[in-house]
Amino acid sequence: MPRAGLDAASVVACAAAVADEVGFAELSMGLVAERLGVRTPSLYKHVDGLADLNRRIAVLALNELGDAVRDAIGGRSGSDALGAMARAIRDFVVKHPGRYAATVGMPGGDQADPLDVAGARVITSMAAVLHGYDIAPQDLNHALRTLRSLLHGFATLQAANGFQWDDDAEESFAWLVAFADRGLRRTGG
């Protein structure tokens, strides 16, 4: 019989928090069970093993990131929307490095797959920001990948304390957003 109050959602939430603390690569069923105060086999009543747990963390993270980006860009356009989106993504990655790491390279399924649905929400919000730059349809995927690469790189480096030579990562981040804004304006119509 499953422990009272323990369900798949609580197992995933706990696992995401553990991944944020110890790193996604170090996440194990044993660590999650220990944190929840249960024996490891008890988790298998709620998830189908570590691969399933990792996938569920990725879905949770993409849904949370999608909400953060949507909320940040609401009512904004152009460079204002770009900056708000960039800060929302960077802040999420810095605050939740483990769960964000779960999203990178996680294979999708089909359009109905919860992972693909959650990922599409993030991409749709990013594309809405790019709409303000009048990016040609044939260049939209390139612009999305470029922007994601810039933000992913900066945010994961900052989350890993990768800017140790200087304390002013905020100024560098503002520079990156302005750089992206200029590039998108030149690329757009």
C-alpha atoms as a PDB file:
ATOM      1  CA  MET A   1       0.000   0.000   0.000  1.00  0.00           C
ATOM      2  CA  PRO A   2       1.465   3.423  -0.963  1.00  0.00           C
ATOM      3  CA  ARG A   3       2.430   5.772   1.877  1.00  0.00           C
ATOM      4  CA  ALA A   4      -0.315   8.287   2.646  1.00  0.00           C
ATOM      5  CA  GLY A   5       0.326  11.573   0.874  1.00  0.00           C
ATOM      6  CA  LEU A   6       2.862  10.074  -1.498  1.00  0.00           C
ATOM      7  CA  ASP A   7       1.910  10.123  -5.164  1.00  0.00           C
ATOM      8  CA  ALA A   8       3.657  10.529  -8.509  1.00  0.00           C
ATOM      9  CA  ALA A   9       3.511  14.330  -8.352  1.00  0.00           C
ATOM     10  CA  SER A  10       5.095  14.492  -4.905  1.00  0.00           C
ATOM     11  CA  VAL A  11       7.807  12.025  -5.925  1.00  0.00           C
ATOM     12  CA  VAL A  12       8.609  14.108  -9.009  1.00  0.00           C
ATOM     13  CA  ALA A  13       8.599  17.376  -7.056  1.00  0.00           C
ATOM     14  CA  CYS A  14      10.962  15.899  -4.491  1.00  0.00           C
ATOM     15  CA  ALA A  15      13.219  14.473  -7.191  1.00  0.00           C
ATOM     16  CA  ALA A  16      13.354  17.837  -8.968  1.00  0.00           C
ATOM     17  CA  ALA A  17      14.390  19.532  -5.719  1.00  0.00           C
ATOM     18  CA  VAL A  18      17.061  16.902  -5.126  1.00  0.00           C
ATOM     19  CA  ALA A  19      18.332  17.328  -8.702  1.00  0.00           C
ATOM     20  CA  ASP A  20      18.581  21.082  -8.119  1.00  0.00           C
ATOM     21  CA  GLU A  21      20.644  20.462  -4.979  1.00  0.00           C
ATOM     22  CA  VAL A  22      22.992  17.677  -6.065  1.00  0.00           C
ATOM     23  CA  GLY A  23      22.905  17.985  -9.845  1.00  0.00           C
ATOM     24  CA  PHE A  24      20.819  16.078 -12.338  1.00  0.00           C
ATOM     25  CA  ALA A  25      23.649  13.649 -13.127  1.00  0.00           C
ATOM     26  CA  GLU A  26      23.827  12.638  -9.456  1.00  0.00           C
ATOM     27  CA  LEU A  27      20.098  12.044  -9.030  1.00  0.00           C
ATOM     28  CA  SER A  28      19.169   8.522  -7.975  1.00  0.00           C
ATOM     29  CA  MET A  29      16.084   6.705  -6.819  1.00  0.00           C
ATOM     30  CA  GLY A  30      17.872   6.055  -3.526  1.00  0.00           C
ATOM     31  CA  LEU A  31      18.416   9.771  -2.854  1.00  0.00           C
ATOM     32  CA  VAL A  32      14.775  10.539  -3.595  1.00  0.00           C
ATOM     33  CA  ALA A  33      13.569   7.700  -1.383  1.00  0.00           C
ATOM     34  CA  GLU A  34      15.829   8.864   1.425  1.00  0.00           C
ATOM     35  CA  ARG A  35      14.507  12.411   1.153  1.00  0.00           C
ATOM     36  CA  LEU A  36      10.925  11.152   1.212  1.00  0.00           C
ATOM     37  CA  GLY A  37      11.599   8.841   4.148  1.00  0.00           C
ATOM     38  CA  VAL A  38      10.650   5.673   2.292  1.00  0.00           C
ATOM     39  CA  ARG A  39      12.489   2.655   0.977  1.00  0.00           C
ATOM     40  CA  THR A  40      13.526   2.814  -2.677  1.00  0.00           C
ATOM     41  CA  PRO A  41      11.143   0.047  -3.821  1.00  0.00           C
ATOM     42  CA  SER A  42       8.228   2.191  -2.596  1.00  0.00           C
ATOM     43  CA  LEU A  43       8.949   4.720  -5.350  1.00  0.00           C
ATOM     44  CA  TYR A  44       8.173   2.147  -8.028  1.00  0.00           C
ATOM     45  CA  LYS A  45       4.509   2.348  -7.036  1.00  0.00           C
ATOM     46  CA  HIS A  46       4.561   5.918  -8.405  1.00  0.00           C
ATOM     47  CA  VAL A  47       7.182   5.973 -11.179  1.00  0.00           C
ATOM     48  CA  ASP A  48       8.560   3.294 -13.491  1.00  0.00           C
ATOM     49  CA  GLY A  49      12.200   3.784 -12.578  1.00  0.00           C
ATOM     50  CA  LEU A  50      14.869   6.434 -12.988  1.00  0.00           C
ATOM     51  CA  ALA A  51      14.313   7.004 -16.722  1.00  0.00           C
ATOM     52  CA  ASP A  52      10.609   7.650 -16.120  1.00  0.00           C
ATOM     53  CA  LEU A  53      11.421   9.891 -13.172  1.00  0.00           C
ATOM     54  CA  ASN A  54      13.914  11.877 -15.264  1.00  0.00           C
ATOM     55  CA  ARG A  55      11.350  12.349 -18.010  1.00  0.00           C
ATOM     56  CA  ARG A  56       8.731  13.515 -15.517  1.00  0.00           C
ATOM     57  CA  ILE A  57      11.223  16.015 -14.077  1.00  0.00           C
ATOM     58  CA  ALA A  58      11.812  17.331 -17.603  1.00  0.00           C
ATOM     59  CA  VAL A  59       8.053  17.769 -18.115  1.00  0.00           C
ATOM     60  CA  LEU A  60       7.735  19.549 -14.767  1.00  0.00           C
ATOM     61  CA  ALA A  61      10.679  21.822 -15.593  1.00  0.00           C
ATOM     62  CA  LEU A  62       9.383  22.713 -19.057  1.00  0.00           C
ATOM     63  CA  ASN A  63       5.939  23.485 -17.651  1.00  0.00           C
ATOM     64  CA  GLU A  64       7.465  25.697 -14.965  1.00  0.00           C
ATOM     65  CA  LEU A  65       9.738  27.391 -17.502  1.00  0.00           C
ATOM     66  CA  GLY A  66       6.817  27.844 -19.893  1.00  0.00           C
ATOM     67  CA  ASP A  67       4.814  29.538 -17.139  1.00  0.00           C
ATOM     68  CA  ALA A  68       7.750  31.788 -16.219  1.00  0.00           C
ATOM     69  CA  VAL A  69       8.340  32.885 -19.813  1.00  0.00           C
ATOM     70  CA  ARG A  70       4.637  33.412 -20.511  1.00  0.00           C
ATOM     71  CA  ASP A  71       4.235  35.508 -17.387  1.00  0.00           C
ATOM     72  CA  ALA A  72       7.372  37.520 -18.138  1.00  0.00           C
ATOM     73  CA  ILE A  73       6.482  38.481 -21.700  1.00  0.00           C
ATOM     74  CA  GLY A  74       2.794  39.219 -21.173  1.00  0.00           C
ATOM     75  CA  GLY A  75       1.957  42.677 -22.526  1.00  0.00           C
ATOM     76  CA  ARG A  76       5.500  43.290 -23.765  1.00  0.00           C
ATOM     77  CA  SER A  77       7.017  43.456 -27.227  1.00  0.00           C
ATOM     78  CA  GLY A  78      10.322  44.014 -28.967  1.00  0.00           C
ATOM     79  CA  SER A  79      13.426  44.479 -26.852  1.00  0.00           C
ATOM     80  CA  ASP A  80      11.303  44.731 -23.693  1.00  0.00           C
ATOM     81  CA  ALA A  81       9.842  41.269 -24.332  1.00  0.00           C
ATOM     82  CA  LEU A  82      13.256  39.883 -25.277  1.00  0.00           C
ATOM     83  CA  GLY A  83      14.808  41.146 -22.054  1.00  0.00           C
ATOM     84  CA  ALA A  84      11.945  39.863 -19.914  1.00  0.00           C
ATOM     85  CA  MET A  85      12.070  36.449 -21.574  1.00  0.00           C
ATOM     86  CA  ALA A  86      15.846  36.256 -21.273  1.00  0.00           C
ATOM     87  CA  ARG A  87      15.740  37.127 -17.565  1.00  0.00           C
ATOM     88  CA  ALA A  88      12.959  34.601 -16.929  1.00  0.00           C
ATOM     89  CA  ILE A  89      14.919  31.820 -18.613  1.00  0.00           C
ATOM     90  CA  ARG A  90      18.198  32.738 -16.939  1.00  0.00           C
ATOM     91  CA  ASP A  91      16.566  33.073 -13.518  1.00  0.00           C
ATOM     92  CA  PHE A  92      14.862  29.692 -13.888  1.00  0.00           C
ATOM     93  CA  VAL A  93      18.090  27.941 -14.890  1.00  0.00           C
ATOM     94  CA  VAL A  94      20.085  29.543 -12.071  1.00  0.00           C
ATOM     95  CA  LYS A  95      17.410  28.706  -9.490  1.00  0.00           C
ATOM     96  CA  HIS A  96      16.703  25.193 -10.839  1.00  0.00           C
ATOM     97  CA  PRO A  97      19.862  23.895 -12.534  1.00  0.00           C
ATOM     98  CA  GLY A  98      19.085  20.228 -11.917  1.00  0.00           C
ATOM     99  CA  ARG A  99      15.578  20.184 -13.268  1.00  0.00           C
ATOM    100  CA  TYR A 100      16.611  22.378 -16.202  1.00  0.00           C
ATOM    101  CA  ALA A 101      19.400  19.912 -17.025  1.00  0.00           C
ATOM    102  CA  ALA A 102      16.724  17.205 -17.268  1.00  0.00           C
ATOM    103  CA  THR A 103      15.217  19.027 -20.257  1.00  0.00           C
ATOM    104  CA  VAL A 104      18.381  19.043 -22.342  1.00  0.00           C
ATOM    105  CA  GLY A 105      18.483  16.173 -24.803  1.00  0.00           C
ATOM    106  CA  MET A 106      15.449  14.382 -23.393  1.00  0.00           C
ATOM    107  CA  PRO A 107      13.917  12.607 -26.392  1.00  0.00           C
ATOM    108  CA  GLY A 108      10.379  13.568 -27.293  1.00  0.00           C
ATOM    109  CA  GLY A 109       7.568  11.329 -28.353  1.00  0.00           C
ATOM    110  CA  ASP A 110       4.748  12.720 -30.413  1.00  0.00           C
ATOM    111  CA  GLN A 111       2.636  15.858 -30.330  1.00  0.00           C
ATOM    112  CA  ALA A 112       0.471  14.453 -27.530  1.00  0.00           C
ATOM    113  CA  ASP A 113       3.494  13.527 -25.377  1.00  0.00           C
ATOM    114  CA  PRO A 114       3.493  15.720 -22.242  1.00  0.00           C
ATOM    115  CA  LEU A 115       7.174  16.495 -22.795  1.00  0.00           C
ATOM    116  CA  ASP A 116       6.522  17.737 -26.331  1.00  0.00           C
ATOM    117  CA  VAL A 117       3.467  19.709 -25.226  1.00  0.00           C
ATOM    118  CA  ALA A 118       5.439  21.421 -22.444  1.00  0.00           C
ATOM    119  CA  GLY A 119       8.378  22.121 -24.761  1.00  0.00           C
ATOM    120  CA  ALA A 120       6.076  23.552 -27.403  1.00  0.00           C
ATOM    121  CA  ARG A 121       4.739  26.062 -24.863  1.00  0.00           C
ATOM    122  CA  VAL A 122       8.241  27.417 -24.292  1.00  0.00           C
ATOM    123  CA  ILE A 123       9.003  27.558 -28.020  1.00  0.00           C
ATOM    124  CA  THR A 124       5.659  29.226 -28.750  1.00  0.00           C
ATOM    125  CA  SER A 125       6.416  31.972 -26.231  1.00  0.00           C
ATOM    126  CA  MET A 126       9.906  32.443 -27.639  1.00  0.00           C
ATOM    127  CA  ALA A 127       8.474  32.618 -31.159  1.00  0.00           C
ATOM    128  CA  ALA A 128       5.978  35.244 -29.975  1.00  0.00           C
ATOM    129  CA  VAL A 129       8.890  37.389 -28.814  1.00  0.00           C
ATOM    130  CA  LEU A 130      10.597  36.917 -32.172  1.00  0.00           C
ATOM    131  CA  HIS A 131       7.391  37.916 -33.937  1.00  0.00           C
ATOM    132  CA  GLY A 132       8.107  41.451 -32.783  1.00  0.00           C
ATOM    133  CA  TYR A 133      11.315  41.369 -34.823  1.00  0.00           C
ATOM    134  CA  ASP A 134       9.594  40.463 -38.075  1.00  0.00           C
ATOM    135  CA  ILE A 135      11.794  37.408 -38.624  1.00  0.00           C
ATOM    136  CA  ALA A 136      11.154  35.759 -41.992  1.00  0.00           C
ATOM    137  CA  PRO A 137       9.349  32.413 -41.626  1.00  0.00           C
ATOM    138  CA  GLN A 138      12.269  30.518 -43.185  1.00  0.00           C
ATOM    139  CA  ASP A 139      14.609  32.027 -40.559  1.00  0.00           C
ATOM    140  CA  LEU A 140      12.447  31.483 -37.474  1.00  0.00           C
ATOM    141  CA  ASN A 141      13.967  28.124 -36.481  1.00  0.00           C
ATOM    142  CA  HIS A 142      17.473  29.544 -36.890  1.00  0.00           C
ATOM    143  CA  ALA A 143      16.573  32.548 -34.735  1.00  0.00           C
ATOM    144  CA  LEU A 144      14.999  30.318 -32.073  1.00  0.00           C
ATOM    145  CA  ARG A 145      18.046  28.033 -31.950  1.00  0.00           C
ATOM    146  CA  THR A 146      20.436  30.973 -31.821  1.00  0.00           C
ATOM    147  CA  LEU A 147      18.522  32.652 -29.024  1.00  0.00           C
ATOM    148  CA  ARG A 148      18.174  29.421 -27.075  1.00  0.00           C
ATOM    149  CA  SER A 149      21.897  28.758 -27.444  1.00  0.00           C
ATOM    150  CA  LEU A 150      22.813  32.222 -26.169  1.00  0.00           C
ATOM    151  CA  LEU A 151      20.498  32.021 -23.183  1.00  0.00           C
ATOM    152  CA  HIS A 152      21.260  28.385 -22.372  1.00  0.00           C
ATOM    153  CA  GLY A 153      24.986  28.997 -22.504  1.00  0.00           C
ATOM    154  CA  PHE A 154      24.961  32.080 -20.313  1.00  0.00           C
ATOM    155  CA  ALA A 155      22.495  30.677 -17.808  1.00  0.00           C
ATOM    156  CA  THR A 156      24.180  27.296 -17.381  1.00  0.00           C
ATOM    157  CA  LEU A 157      27.581  28.954 -17.004  1.00  0.00           C
ATOM    158  CA  GLN A 158      26.191  31.337 -14.398  1.00  0.00           C
ATOM    159  CA  ALA A 159      24.436  28.496 -12.563  1.00  0.00           C
ATOM    160  CA  ALA A 160      27.734  26.578 -12.453  1.00  0.00           C
ATOM    161  CA  ASN A 161      29.593  29.654 -11.151  1.00  0.00           C
ATOM    162  CA  GLY A 162      31.407  29.853 -14.467  1.00  0.00           C
ATOM    163  CA  PHE A 163      32.042  33.616 -14.351  1.00  0.00           C
ATOM    164  CA  GLN A 164      34.491  33.667 -11.459  1.00  0.00           C
ATOM    165  CA  TRP A 165      36.858  36.270 -12.877  1.00  0.00           C
ATOM    166  CA  ASP A 166      34.415  39.133 -12.341  1.00  0.00           C
ATOM    167  CA  ASP A 167      31.462  39.864 -10.104  1.00  0.00           C
ATOM    168  CA  ASP A 168      29.435  41.733 -12.723  1.00  0.00           C
ATOM    169  CA  ALA A 169      27.571  38.967 -14.535  1.00  0.00           C
ATOM    170  CA  GLU A 170      24.462  41.185 -14.557  1.00  0.00           C
ATOM    171  CA  GLU A 171      26.164  43.754 -16.752  1.00  0.00           C
ATOM    172  CA  SER A 172      27.377  40.980 -19.064  1.00  0.00           C
ATOM    173  CA  PHE A 173      23.872  39.568 -19.251  1.00  0.00           C
ATOM    174  CA  ALA A 174      22.448  42.971 -20.183  1.00  0.00           C
ATOM    175  CA  TRP A 175      25.162  43.188 -22.854  1.00  0.00           C
ATOM    176  CA  LEU A 176      24.149  39.755 -24.193  1.00  0.00           C
ATOM    177  CA  VAL A 177      20.478  40.763 -24.400  1.00  0.00           C
ATOM    178  CA  ALA A 178      21.367  44.011 -26.190  1.00  0.00           C
ATOM    179  CA  PHE A 179      23.629  42.038 -28.547  1.00  0.00           C
ATOM    180  CA  ALA A 180      20.784  39.615 -29.347  1.00  0.00           C
ATOM    181  CA  ASP A 181      18.370  42.515 -29.808  1.00  0.00           C
ATOM    182  CA  ARG A 182      20.683  44.228 -32.342  1.00  0.00           C
ATOM    183  CA  GLY A 183      21.197  40.974 -34.220  1.00  0.00           C
ATOM    184  CA  LEU A 184      17.485  40.205 -34.357  1.00  0.00           C
ATOM    185  CA  ARG A 185      16.694  43.731 -35.557  1.00  0.00           C
ATOM    186  CA  ARG A 186      19.210  43.368 -38.378  1.00  0.00           C
ATOM    187  CA  THR A 187      17.888  39.931 -39.284  1.00  0.00           C
ATOM    188  CA  GLY A 188      14.228  40.963 -39.226  1.00  0.00           C
ATOM    189  CA  GLY A 189      12.384  42.882 -41.882  1.00  0.00           C
END
